[in-house]
Amino acid sequence: MTVQNEDRATVAEDPAAGGPEALEVWIDQDLCTGDGICAQYAPEVFELDIDGLAYVKSLDDELLQEPGATAPVPLPLLVDVRESAKDCPGDCIHVRRVSDKVEVYGPDAE
């Protein structure tokens, strides 16, 4: 089950912890192929910059260009963000829990 908290980040019920878990997404630009699939799936979360690489965007729509920059995953976009990670040809999109940084979607997901 998923719910949305007040800062609009996605949270998923974590039965082991007995509480919600916020999710965040980041892109490894070193692996980005610039195909733009992520921006097609979730333009509210991803954007291609003038360098041809994809970056995440803040909840305020600001492009976050720092290496390793993370953005919260809004609940209504969880499926689109998950599909972006799954279909990314560069395997560069990582979605992880905020609390323990464990990847739940992406190339390093267990």
N, C-alpha and C. Protein backbone atom coordinates (compact mmCIF):
# COMPACT_ATOMS: atom_id res chain seq x y z
N MET A 1 0.84 -1.17 0.00
CA MET A 1 0.00 0.00 0.00
C MET A 1 0.88 1.23 0.00
N THR A 2 0.49 2.28 -0.74
CA THR A 2 1.24 3.52 -0.73
C THR A 2 0.34 4.66 -0.31
N VAL A 3 0.93 5.65 0.31
CA VAL A 3 0.22 6.86 0.72
C VAL A 3 1.11 8.04 0.41
N GLN A 4 0.57 9.25 0.52
CA GLN A 4 1.36 10.43 0.23
C GLN A 4 1.49 11.26 1.49
N ASN A 5 2.70 11.69 1.81
CA ASN A 5 2.88 12.52 2.99
C ASN A 5 2.81 13.99 2.61
N GLU A 6 2.96 14.87 3.61
CA GLU A 6 2.74 16.29 3.38
C GLU A 6 3.74 16.94 2.44
N ASP A 7 4.93 16.39 2.24
CA ASP A 7 5.87 17.00 1.32
C ASP A 7 5.77 16.39 -0.08
N ARG A 8 4.71 15.68 -0.34
CA ARG A 8 4.37 15.13 -1.64
C ARG A 8 5.32 14.04 -2.13
N ALA A 9 6.15 13.50 -1.26
CA ALA A 9 7.01 12.39 -1.64
C ALA A 9 6.21 11.10 -1.53
N THR A 10 6.55 10.15 -2.37
CA THR A 10 5.88 8.87 -2.30
C THR A 10 6.32 8.14 -1.05
N VAL A 11 5.37 7.52 -0.40
CA VAL A 11 5.69 6.67 0.73
C VAL A 11 5.01 5.34 0.52
N ALA A 12 5.70 4.29 0.84
CA ALA A 12 5.14 2.94 0.71
C ALA A 12 5.16 2.29 2.08
N GLU A 13 4.10 1.59 2.40
CA GLU A 13 4.04 0.92 3.68
C GLU A 13 5.14 -0.14 3.75
N ASP A 14 5.92 -0.09 4.80
CA ASP A 14 6.99 -1.04 5.02
C ASP A 14 6.59 -1.93 6.20
N PRO A 15 6.10 -3.13 5.91
CA PRO A 15 5.61 -4.00 6.98
C PRO A 15 6.67 -4.30 8.04
N ALA A 16 7.91 -4.40 7.64
CA ALA A 16 8.97 -4.73 8.60
C ALA A 16 9.17 -3.59 9.59
N ALA A 17 9.09 -2.36 9.11
CA ALA A 17 9.30 -1.21 9.99
C ALA A 17 8.00 -0.74 10.62
N GLY A 18 6.88 -1.17 10.08
CA GLY A 18 5.60 -0.77 10.62
C GLY A 18 5.21 0.65 10.29
N GLY A 19 5.84 1.23 9.26
CA GLY A 19 5.52 2.61 8.92
C GLY A 19 5.80 2.93 7.46
N PRO A 20 5.53 4.14 7.06
CA PRO A 20 5.72 4.53 5.67
C PRO A 20 7.18 4.81 5.35
N GLU A 21 7.53 4.64 4.10
CA GLU A 21 8.88 4.89 3.61
C GLU A 21 8.80 5.83 2.42
N ALA A 22 9.47 6.97 2.48
CA ALA A 22 9.53 7.91 1.37
C ALA A 22 10.53 7.38 0.34
N LEU A 23 10.27 7.66 -0.93
CA LEU A 23 11.15 7.26 -2.03
C LEU A 23 11.75 8.48 -2.70
N GLU A 24 12.97 8.31 -3.21
CA GLU A 24 13.64 9.36 -3.97
C GLU A 24 14.25 8.74 -5.21
N VAL A 25 14.53 9.58 -6.21
CA VAL A 25 15.10 9.11 -7.47
C VAL A 25 16.33 9.94 -7.81
N TRP A 26 17.31 9.30 -8.43
CA TRP A 26 18.47 10.01 -8.93
C TRP A 26 18.94 9.35 -10.22
N ILE A 27 19.72 10.08 -11.00
CA ILE A 27 20.23 9.59 -12.28
C ILE A 27 21.75 9.64 -12.27
N ASP A 28 22.36 8.56 -12.73
CA ASP A 28 23.81 8.52 -12.91
C ASP A 28 24.10 9.02 -14.33
N GLN A 29 24.47 10.28 -14.44
CA GLN A 29 24.69 10.88 -15.76
C GLN A 29 25.85 10.21 -16.52
N ASP A 30 26.76 9.56 -15.82
CA ASP A 30 27.87 8.87 -16.50
C ASP A 30 27.35 7.71 -17.36
N LEU A 31 26.16 7.19 -17.02
CA LEU A 31 25.59 6.08 -17.77
C LEU A 31 24.44 6.50 -18.68
N CYS A 32 24.00 7.76 -18.56
CA CYS A 32 22.85 8.23 -19.33
C CYS A 32 23.17 8.26 -20.82
N THR A 33 22.26 7.70 -21.62
CA THR A 33 22.43 7.67 -23.07
C THR A 33 21.70 8.82 -23.76
N GLY A 34 20.93 9.59 -23.00
CA GLY A 34 20.22 10.73 -23.57
C GLY A 34 19.03 10.38 -24.43
N ASP A 35 18.51 9.17 -24.30
CA ASP A 35 17.36 8.75 -25.10
C ASP A 35 16.09 9.52 -24.75
N GLY A 36 15.98 9.98 -23.51
CA GLY A 36 14.83 10.77 -23.10
C GLY A 36 13.58 9.99 -22.76
N ILE A 37 13.69 8.68 -22.63
CA ILE A 37 12.53 7.86 -22.28
C ILE A 37 11.97 8.31 -20.93
N CYS A 38 12.85 8.62 -19.99
CA CYS A 38 12.39 9.04 -18.66
C CYS A 38 11.57 10.33 -18.74
N ALA A 39 12.03 11.28 -19.54
CA ALA A 39 11.30 12.55 -19.68
C ALA A 39 9.97 12.35 -20.39
N GLN A 40 9.88 11.34 -21.24
CA GLN A 40 8.61 11.03 -21.89
C GLN A 40 7.63 10.42 -20.89
N TYR A 41 8.11 9.52 -20.04
CA TYR A 41 7.26 8.87 -19.04
C TYR A 41 6.84 9.83 -17.93
N ALA A 42 7.79 10.61 -17.41
CA ALA A 42 7.51 11.46 -16.24
C ALA A 42 8.20 12.82 -16.40
N PRO A 43 7.67 13.68 -17.26
CA PRO A 43 8.31 15.00 -17.47
C PRO A 43 8.28 15.88 -16.23
N GLU A 44 7.44 15.56 -15.26
CA GLU A 44 7.42 16.33 -14.01
C GLU A 44 8.62 16.00 -13.13
N VAL A 45 9.26 14.86 -13.39
CA VAL A 45 10.37 14.39 -12.56
C VAL A 45 11.70 14.45 -13.30
N PHE A 46 11.70 14.20 -14.61
CA PHE A 46 12.93 14.12 -15.41
C PHE A 46 12.92 15.15 -16.53
N GLU A 47 14.12 15.61 -16.89
CA GLU A 47 14.26 16.55 -18.00
C GLU A 47 15.62 16.38 -18.64
N LEU A 48 15.68 16.51 -19.96
CA LEU A 48 16.96 16.51 -20.66
C LEU A 48 17.50 17.93 -20.65
N ASP A 49 18.77 18.09 -20.35
CA ASP A 49 19.40 19.41 -20.34
C ASP A 49 20.09 19.65 -21.68
N ILE A 50 20.67 20.82 -21.85
CA ILE A 50 21.32 21.16 -23.12
C ILE A 50 22.51 20.25 -23.42
N ASP A 51 23.05 19.59 -22.41
CA ASP A 51 24.15 18.65 -22.63
C ASP A 51 23.66 17.30 -23.17
N GLY A 52 22.32 17.14 -23.32
CA GLY A 52 21.75 15.92 -23.86
C GLY A 52 21.54 14.82 -22.84
N LEU A 53 21.81 15.10 -21.56
CA LEU A 53 21.66 14.10 -20.51
C LEU A 53 20.43 14.39 -19.67
N ALA A 54 19.91 13.36 -19.05
CA ALA A 54 18.72 13.50 -18.21
C ALA A 54 19.12 13.84 -16.78
N TYR A 55 18.27 14.63 -16.15
CA TYR A 55 18.44 15.03 -14.75
C TYR A 55 17.08 14.96 -14.06
N VAL A 56 17.10 14.88 -12.73
CA VAL A 56 15.86 14.93 -11.97
C VAL A 56 15.51 16.39 -11.69
N LYS A 57 14.23 16.61 -11.38
CA LYS A 57 13.76 17.95 -11.06
C LYS A 57 13.18 17.95 -9.64
N SER A 58 13.32 19.09 -8.99
CA SER A 58 12.77 19.24 -7.64
C SER A 58 11.25 19.37 -7.75
N LEU A 59 10.58 19.34 -6.60
CA LEU A 59 9.13 19.54 -6.59
C LEU A 59 8.75 20.93 -7.08
N ASP A 60 9.71 21.87 -7.06
CA ASP A 60 9.48 23.22 -7.56
C ASP A 60 9.85 23.35 -9.03
N ASP A 61 10.08 22.22 -9.72
CA ASP A 61 10.39 22.18 -11.14
C ASP A 61 11.79 22.69 -11.48
N GLU A 62 12.69 22.72 -10.49
CA GLU A 62 14.06 23.15 -10.71
C GLU A 62 14.90 21.96 -11.16
N LEU A 63 15.65 22.13 -12.23
CA LEU A 63 16.53 21.08 -12.72
C LEU A 63 17.71 20.94 -11.76
N LEU A 64 17.94 19.73 -11.26
CA LEU A 64 19.00 19.47 -10.28
C LEU A 64 20.19 18.85 -11.01
N GLN A 65 21.22 19.64 -11.27
CA GLN A 65 22.34 19.21 -12.09
C GLN A 65 23.56 18.73 -11.32
N GLU A 66 23.50 18.77 -10.00
CA GLU A 66 24.63 18.30 -9.21
C GLU A 66 24.71 16.78 -9.33
N PRO A 67 25.91 16.21 -9.44
CA PRO A 67 26.03 14.75 -9.49
C PRO A 67 25.41 14.11 -8.25
N GLY A 68 24.58 13.12 -8.46
CA GLY A 68 23.95 12.41 -7.35
C GLY A 68 22.75 13.12 -6.75
N ALA A 69 22.32 14.22 -7.35
CA ALA A 69 21.16 14.95 -6.81
C ALA A 69 19.93 14.05 -6.84
N THR A 70 19.15 14.12 -5.77
CA THR A 70 17.95 13.30 -5.66
C THR A 70 16.71 14.18 -5.64
N ALA A 71 15.61 13.60 -6.05
CA ALA A 71 14.31 14.27 -6.01
C ALA A 71 13.30 13.29 -5.42
N PRO A 72 12.33 13.81 -4.65
CA PRO A 72 11.29 12.93 -4.14
C PRO A 72 10.43 12.40 -5.28
N VAL A 73 9.88 11.22 -5.09
CA VAL A 73 9.01 10.61 -6.09
C VAL A 73 7.55 10.88 -5.67
N PRO A 74 6.85 11.76 -6.39
CA PRO A 74 5.44 12.01 -6.05
C PRO A 74 4.60 10.76 -6.29
N LEU A 75 3.70 10.49 -5.39
CA LEU A 75 2.86 9.29 -5.47
C LEU A 75 2.16 9.13 -6.82
N PRO A 76 1.55 10.16 -7.38
CA PRO A 76 0.86 9.96 -8.66
C PRO A 76 1.80 9.56 -9.81
N LEU A 77 3.11 9.75 -9.62
CA LEU A 77 4.07 9.45 -10.68
C LEU A 77 4.90 8.21 -10.41
N LEU A 78 4.59 7.49 -9.35
CA LEU A 78 5.39 6.32 -8.98
C LEU A 78 5.48 5.31 -10.11
N VAL A 79 4.37 4.98 -10.73
CA VAL A 79 4.38 3.99 -11.82
C VAL A 79 5.24 4.49 -12.98
N ASP A 80 5.09 5.76 -13.33
CA ASP A 80 5.87 6.32 -14.44
C ASP A 80 7.37 6.33 -14.13
N VAL A 81 7.72 6.68 -12.90
CA VAL A 81 9.13 6.68 -12.50
C VAL A 81 9.67 5.26 -12.49
N ARG A 82 8.90 4.31 -11.98
CA ARG A 82 9.32 2.90 -11.97
C ARG A 82 9.53 2.40 -13.40
N GLU A 83 8.61 2.71 -14.30
CA GLU A 83 8.74 2.28 -15.70
C GLU A 83 9.94 2.95 -16.36
N SER A 84 10.21 4.19 -16.01
CA SER A 84 11.39 4.88 -16.54
C SER A 84 12.65 4.12 -16.16
N ALA A 85 12.74 3.73 -14.89
CA ALA A 85 13.91 2.98 -14.43
C ALA A 85 14.01 1.64 -15.14
N LYS A 86 12.87 0.98 -15.32
CA LYS A 86 12.85 -0.34 -15.95
C LYS A 86 13.24 -0.27 -17.44
N ASP A 87 12.76 0.76 -18.14
CA ASP A 87 12.97 0.84 -19.59
C ASP A 87 14.19 1.66 -20.01
N CYS A 88 14.88 2.25 -19.07
CA CYS A 88 16.03 3.10 -19.39
C CYS A 88 17.13 2.27 -20.06
N PRO A 89 17.53 2.63 -21.30
CA PRO A 89 18.57 1.85 -21.98
C PRO A 89 19.94 1.97 -21.33
N GLY A 90 20.17 3.04 -20.58
CA GLY A 90 21.46 3.21 -19.91
C GLY A 90 21.51 2.64 -18.51
N ASP A 91 20.38 2.10 -18.03
CA ASP A 91 20.30 1.59 -16.65
C ASP A 91 20.89 2.60 -15.66
N CYS A 92 20.45 3.86 -15.79
CA CYS A 92 21.04 4.91 -14.96
C CYS A 92 20.07 5.53 -13.97
N ILE A 93 18.82 5.08 -13.92
CA ILE A 93 17.82 5.65 -13.02
C ILE A 93 17.70 4.77 -11.79
N HIS A 94 17.84 5.40 -10.63
CA HIS A 94 17.83 4.69 -9.35
C HIS A 94 16.73 5.26 -8.46
N VAL A 95 15.86 4.39 -7.98
CA VAL A 95 14.80 4.78 -7.04
C VAL A 95 15.08 4.04 -5.74
N ARG A 96 15.18 4.80 -4.66
CA ARG A 96 15.54 4.19 -3.38
C ARG A 96 14.72 4.77 -2.24
N ARG A 97 14.71 4.01 -1.15
CA ARG A 97 14.07 4.49 0.07
C ARG A 97 14.93 5.59 0.67
N VAL A 98 14.29 6.62 1.17
CA VAL A 98 15.02 7.73 1.77
C VAL A 98 15.69 7.29 3.07
N SER A 99 15.01 6.49 3.87
CA SER A 99 15.50 6.15 5.21
C SER A 99 16.80 5.37 5.22
N ASP A 100 16.94 4.38 4.35
CA ASP A 100 18.14 3.54 4.39
C ASP A 100 18.89 3.48 3.05
N LYS A 101 18.43 4.24 2.08
CA LYS A 101 19.08 4.33 0.76
C LYS A 101 19.11 3.00 0.01
N VAL A 102 18.23 2.09 0.35
CA VAL A 102 18.15 0.81 -0.37
C VAL A 102 17.38 1.03 -1.67
N GLU A 103 17.97 0.61 -2.77
CA GLU A 103 17.35 0.77 -4.08
C GLU A 103 16.19 -0.21 -4.23
N VAL A 104 15.04 0.31 -4.64
CA VAL A 104 13.86 -0.53 -4.83
C VAL A 104 13.51 -0.72 -6.31
N TYR A 105 13.94 0.20 -7.15
CA TYR A 105 13.80 0.09 -8.61
C TYR A 105 15.07 0.62 -9.24
N GLY A 106 15.52 -0.03 -10.29
CA GLY A 106 16.73 0.39 -10.98
C GLY A 106 17.73 -0.73 -11.07
N PRO A 107 18.91 -0.44 -11.61
CA PRO A 107 19.90 -1.50 -11.86
C PRO A 107 20.45 -2.16 -10.62
N ASP A 108 20.40 -1.48 -9.47
CA ASP A 108 20.96 -2.05 -8.25
C ASP A 108 19.89 -2.58 -7.30
N ALA A 109 18.63 -2.65 -7.77
CA ALA A 109 17.53 -3.14 -6.92
C ALA A 109 17.74 -4.62 -6.62
N GLU A 110 17.42 -4.97 -5.39
CA GLU A 110 17.59 -6.37 -4.97
C GLU A 110 16.40 -7.19 -5.34
